[in-house]
N, C-alpha and C. Protein backbone atom coordinates (compact mmCIF):
# COMPACT_ATOMS: atom_id res chain seq x y z
N MET A 1 -4.23 23.34 -25.11
CA MET A 1 -4.46 24.57 -24.69
C MET A 1 -3.65 24.71 -23.94
N GLN A 2 -2.89 25.81 -23.65
CA GLN A 2 -2.02 26.49 -23.09
C GLN A 2 -2.36 27.81 -22.52
N PHE A 3 -2.30 27.91 -20.72
CA PHE A 3 -2.83 28.54 -19.90
C PHE A 3 -1.42 29.74 -18.87
N ASP A 4 -3.00 30.70 -19.63
CA ASP A 4 -1.97 32.03 -18.85
C ASP A 4 -1.44 32.14 -17.28
N SER A 5 -2.23 31.39 -16.81
CA SER A 5 -1.88 30.84 -14.95
C SER A 5 -2.49 29.78 -14.31
N PHE A 6 -1.93 29.67 -13.06
CA PHE A 6 -2.39 28.93 -13.03
C PHE A 6 -3.99 28.62 -12.31
N SER A 7 -4.41 29.97 -11.73
CA SER A 7 -5.97 29.91 -11.96
C SER A 7 -6.72 29.45 -12.96
N GLU A 8 -6.08 30.31 -14.26
CA GLU A 8 -6.92 29.30 -15.23
C GLU A 8 -6.87 28.10 -15.95
N PHE A 9 -5.84 27.77 -15.45
CA PHE A 9 -5.54 26.19 -15.23
C PHE A 9 -7.12 25.22 -14.54
N LEU A 10 -6.94 26.31 -13.41
CA LEU A 10 -7.89 25.50 -12.13
C LEU A 10 -9.39 26.06 -12.82
N ASN A 11 -9.61 26.88 -13.30
CA ASN A 11 -10.96 27.84 -13.95
C ASN A 11 -11.15 26.53 -15.03
N MET A 12 -10.90 26.38 -15.97
CA MET A 12 -10.88 25.84 -17.62
C MET A 12 -11.56 26.23 -18.36
N GLY A 13 -11.37 27.63 -18.49
CA GLY A 13 -12.19 28.22 -19.27
C GLY A 13 -13.81 28.14 -19.00
N GLY A 14 -14.10 28.43 -17.74
CA GLY A 14 -15.41 28.49 -17.20
C GLY A 14 -15.97 26.81 -16.87
N TYR A 15 -15.34 25.99 -17.42
CA TYR A 15 -15.61 24.83 -16.95
C TYR A 15 -15.01 23.98 -15.96
N GLY A 16 -14.30 25.00 -15.22
CA GLY A 16 -13.14 24.27 -14.41
C GLY A 16 -13.83 23.37 -12.84
N PHE A 17 -15.24 23.43 -12.86
CA PHE A 17 -16.26 23.09 -11.70
C PHE A 17 -16.04 21.48 -12.33
N PHE A 18 -16.66 21.43 -13.44
CA PHE A 18 -17.08 20.00 -13.69
C PHE A 18 -16.52 19.42 -14.32
N VAL A 19 -14.67 19.67 -14.68
CA VAL A 19 -13.30 19.22 -15.17
C VAL A 19 -13.46 18.49 -13.33
N TRP A 20 -13.20 19.59 -12.67
CA TRP A 20 -12.65 18.63 -11.32
C TRP A 20 -13.04 17.66 -10.76
N LEU A 21 -14.40 17.99 -10.64
CA LEU A 21 -15.45 17.25 -10.36
C LEU A 21 -15.97 16.26 -10.67
N SER A 22 -15.39 16.03 -12.41
CA SER A 22 -15.46 14.82 -12.52
C SER A 22 -13.99 13.58 -12.41
N PHE A 23 -13.11 14.66 -12.21
CA PHE A 23 -11.84 14.13 -11.60
C PHE A 23 -11.64 13.32 -10.41
N GLY A 24 -12.85 14.14 -8.83
CA GLY A 24 -12.89 13.86 -8.14
C GLY A 24 -13.50 12.82 -7.60
N ILE A 25 -15.12 12.23 -8.42
CA ILE A 25 -15.87 11.55 -8.85
C ILE A 25 -14.97 10.06 -9.07
N THR A 26 -14.27 10.16 -9.89
CA THR A 26 -13.43 9.20 -10.41
C THR A 26 -12.56 9.22 -9.46
N ALA A 27 -11.85 10.10 -8.86
CA ALA A 27 -10.69 9.18 -7.69
C ALA A 27 -11.48 8.01 -7.11
N ALA A 28 -12.66 9.22 -6.10
CA ALA A 28 -13.21 8.56 -5.49
C ALA A 28 -13.72 7.20 -5.28
N ALA A 29 -14.67 6.97 -6.60
CA ALA A 29 -15.13 5.60 -7.24
C ALA A 29 -13.79 4.59 -7.37
N MET A 30 -12.71 5.18 -7.60
CA MET A 30 -11.18 4.14 -7.88
C MET A 30 -10.89 3.72 -6.49
N VAL A 31 -11.03 4.32 -5.50
CA VAL A 31 -10.63 4.03 -4.49
C VAL A 31 -11.54 3.30 -3.71
N ALA A 32 -12.73 3.42 -3.88
CA ALA A 32 -13.82 2.80 -3.09
C ALA A 32 -13.95 1.25 -3.28
N ILE A 33 -13.47 1.23 -5.24
CA ILE A 33 -13.03 -0.25 -5.38
C ILE A 33 -11.86 -0.75 -4.77
N VAL A 34 -11.21 -0.32 -5.30
CA VAL A 34 -9.86 -0.82 -4.05
C VAL A 34 -10.49 -1.58 -2.71
N ILE A 35 -10.84 0.15 -2.17
CA ILE A 35 -10.87 -0.66 -0.64
C ILE A 35 -12.26 -2.06 -0.06
N GLU A 36 -13.29 -1.95 -1.20
CA GLU A 36 -14.03 -2.92 -1.04
C GLU A 36 -13.59 -4.26 -1.83
N SER A 37 -13.04 -3.94 -2.58
CA SER A 37 -12.74 -5.61 -3.21
C SER A 37 -10.97 -6.25 -2.15
N ARG A 38 -10.45 -5.04 -1.46
CA ARG A 38 -9.45 -6.17 -0.15
C ARG A 38 -9.99 -6.11 1.01
N LEU A 39 -11.82 -5.45 1.27
CA LEU A 39 -12.27 -6.11 2.56
C LEU A 39 -13.05 -7.46 1.97
N ALA A 40 -13.38 -7.56 0.64
CA ALA A 40 -14.22 -8.99 -0.23
C ALA A 40 -12.75 -10.72 0.39
N GLN A 41 -12.02 -9.33 -0.28
CA GLN A 41 -11.09 -10.54 -0.51
C GLN A 41 -9.86 -11.19 1.48
N LYS A 42 -10.27 -10.37 2.24
CA LYS A 42 -9.87 -10.52 3.14
C LYS A 42 -11.38 -11.26 3.63
N ARG A 43 -12.56 -11.23 3.01
CA ARG A 43 -13.71 -11.92 3.66
C ARG A 43 -13.73 -13.58 2.93
N LEU A 44 -13.28 -13.74 2.11
CA LEU A 44 -13.66 -14.94 1.38
C LEU A 44 -12.37 -15.81 1.79
N VAL A 45 -11.11 -15.20 2.27
CA VAL A 45 -10.36 -15.90 3.07
C VAL A 45 -10.79 -16.53 4.27
N ARG A 46 -11.43 -15.34 5.16
CA ARG A 46 -11.62 -16.04 6.18
C ARG A 46 -12.45 -17.59 5.96
N GLU A 47 -13.97 -16.82 5.03
CA GLU A 47 -14.61 -17.59 4.92
C GLU A 47 -14.21 -19.19 4.58
N ILE A 48 -13.23 -19.48 4.25
CA ILE A 48 -12.34 -20.44 3.05
C ILE A 48 -12.27 -21.13 4.09
N LEU A 49 -11.13 -20.59 5.61
CA LEU A 49 -10.62 -21.23 6.64
C LEU A 49 -11.08 -21.94 7.28
N ALA A 50 -12.56 -20.81 7.46
CA ALA A 50 -13.69 -21.40 8.70
C ALA A 50 -13.97 -23.30 7.95
N GLU A 51 -14.34 -23.05 6.91
CA GLU A 51 -14.80 -24.03 5.82
C GLU A 51 -13.25 -25.55 5.62
N GLN A 52 -12.72 -24.96 6.41
CA GLN A 52 -11.42 -26.01 6.20
C GLN A 52 -11.32 -26.29 7.39
N ALA A 53 -11.59 -25.67 8.42
CA ALA A 53 -11.58 -26.12 9.92
C ALA A 53 -13.23 -27.22 10.57
N ARG A 54 -13.39 -27.00 9.58
CA ARG A 54 -14.78 -27.09 9.38
C ARG A 54 -14.90 -28.55 9.35
N LYS A 55 -14.64 -28.70 8.21
CA LYS A 55 -13.98 -30.23 7.18
C LYS A 55 -12.93 -31.02 8.23
N ASP A 56 -12.06 -30.24 8.77
CA ASP A 56 -11.47 -30.85 9.52
C ASP A 56 -11.77 -31.52 10.77
N ARG A 57 -12.73 -30.64 10.86
CA ARG A 57 -13.22 -31.10 13.20
C ARG A 57 -14.21 -32.49 12.01
N ILE A 58 -14.99 -32.32 10.97
CA ILE A 58 -15.60 -33.42 10.57
C ILE A 58 -15.28 -34.40 10.13
N ARG A 59 -14.08 -34.45 9.85
CA ARG A 59 -12.92 -35.39 9.65
C ARG A 59 -12.23 -36.23 10.90
N GLY A 60 -12.27 -35.02 11.73
CA GLY A 60 -11.62 -35.44 13.24
C GLY A 60 -13.28 -36.57 14.16
N VAL A 61 -14.38 -36.47 14.05
CA VAL A 61 -15.16 -37.01 14.57
C VAL A 61 -15.36 -38.34 13.67
N LYS A 62 -15.33 -37.85 12.77
CA LYS A 62 -15.34 -39.93 11.77
C LYS A 62 -14.48 -40.28 12.16
N SER A 63 -12.91 -40.44 11.67
CA SER A 63 -11.59 -40.88 12.16
C SER A 63 -11.88 -42.07 13.29
N PRO A 64 -12.49 -41.12 14.12
CA PRO A 64 -12.39 -42.29 15.58
C PRO A 64 -12.72 -43.66 15.60
N SER A 65 -14.08 -42.95 15.34
CA SER A 65 -15.50 -43.83 15.22
C SER A 65 -14.69 -44.93 14.33
N SER A 66 -14.21 -44.67 13.04
CA SER A 66 -14.05 -46.09 11.73
C SER A 66 -12.51 -46.43 12.33
N ASN A 67 -11.98 -46.08 13.21
CA ASN A 67 -10.91 -46.96 13.67
C ASN A 67 -11.57 -47.59 15.11
N ARG A 68 -12.58 -47.07 15.78
CA ARG A 68 -13.19 -47.92 16.82
C ARG A 68 -13.89 -49.53 16.50
N GLU A 69 -14.47 -49.28 15.09
CA GLU A 69 -15.10 -50.42 13.93
C GLU A 69 -14.23 -51.13 13.95
N GLN A 70 -12.63 -50.59 13.15
CA GLN A 70 -12.03 -51.75 12.98
C GLN A 70 -11.43 -52.67 14.51
N GLN A 71 -11.49 -51.78 15.50
CA GLN A 71 -10.68 -52.32 16.56
C GLN A 71 -11.78 -53.87 16.92
N LEU A 72 -13.12 -53.43 17.20
CA LEU A 72 -14.04 -54.57 17.20
C LEU A 72 -13.92 -55.94 15.97
């Protein structure tokens, strides 16, 4: 399909509103998916680091007590 002017291109034979609305909604959904994915990744990394720190603290508490038992 060839358009004679840019305004005809935007109008899309009377269906321009629906065409451009669908493009806009699709673009907004894709941007939202990217943003949500990045936020989820950051949240997951924070949770993993917190879990590792918690396990390190637990190991730190267990280690000195086992060393004392070995000394006795």
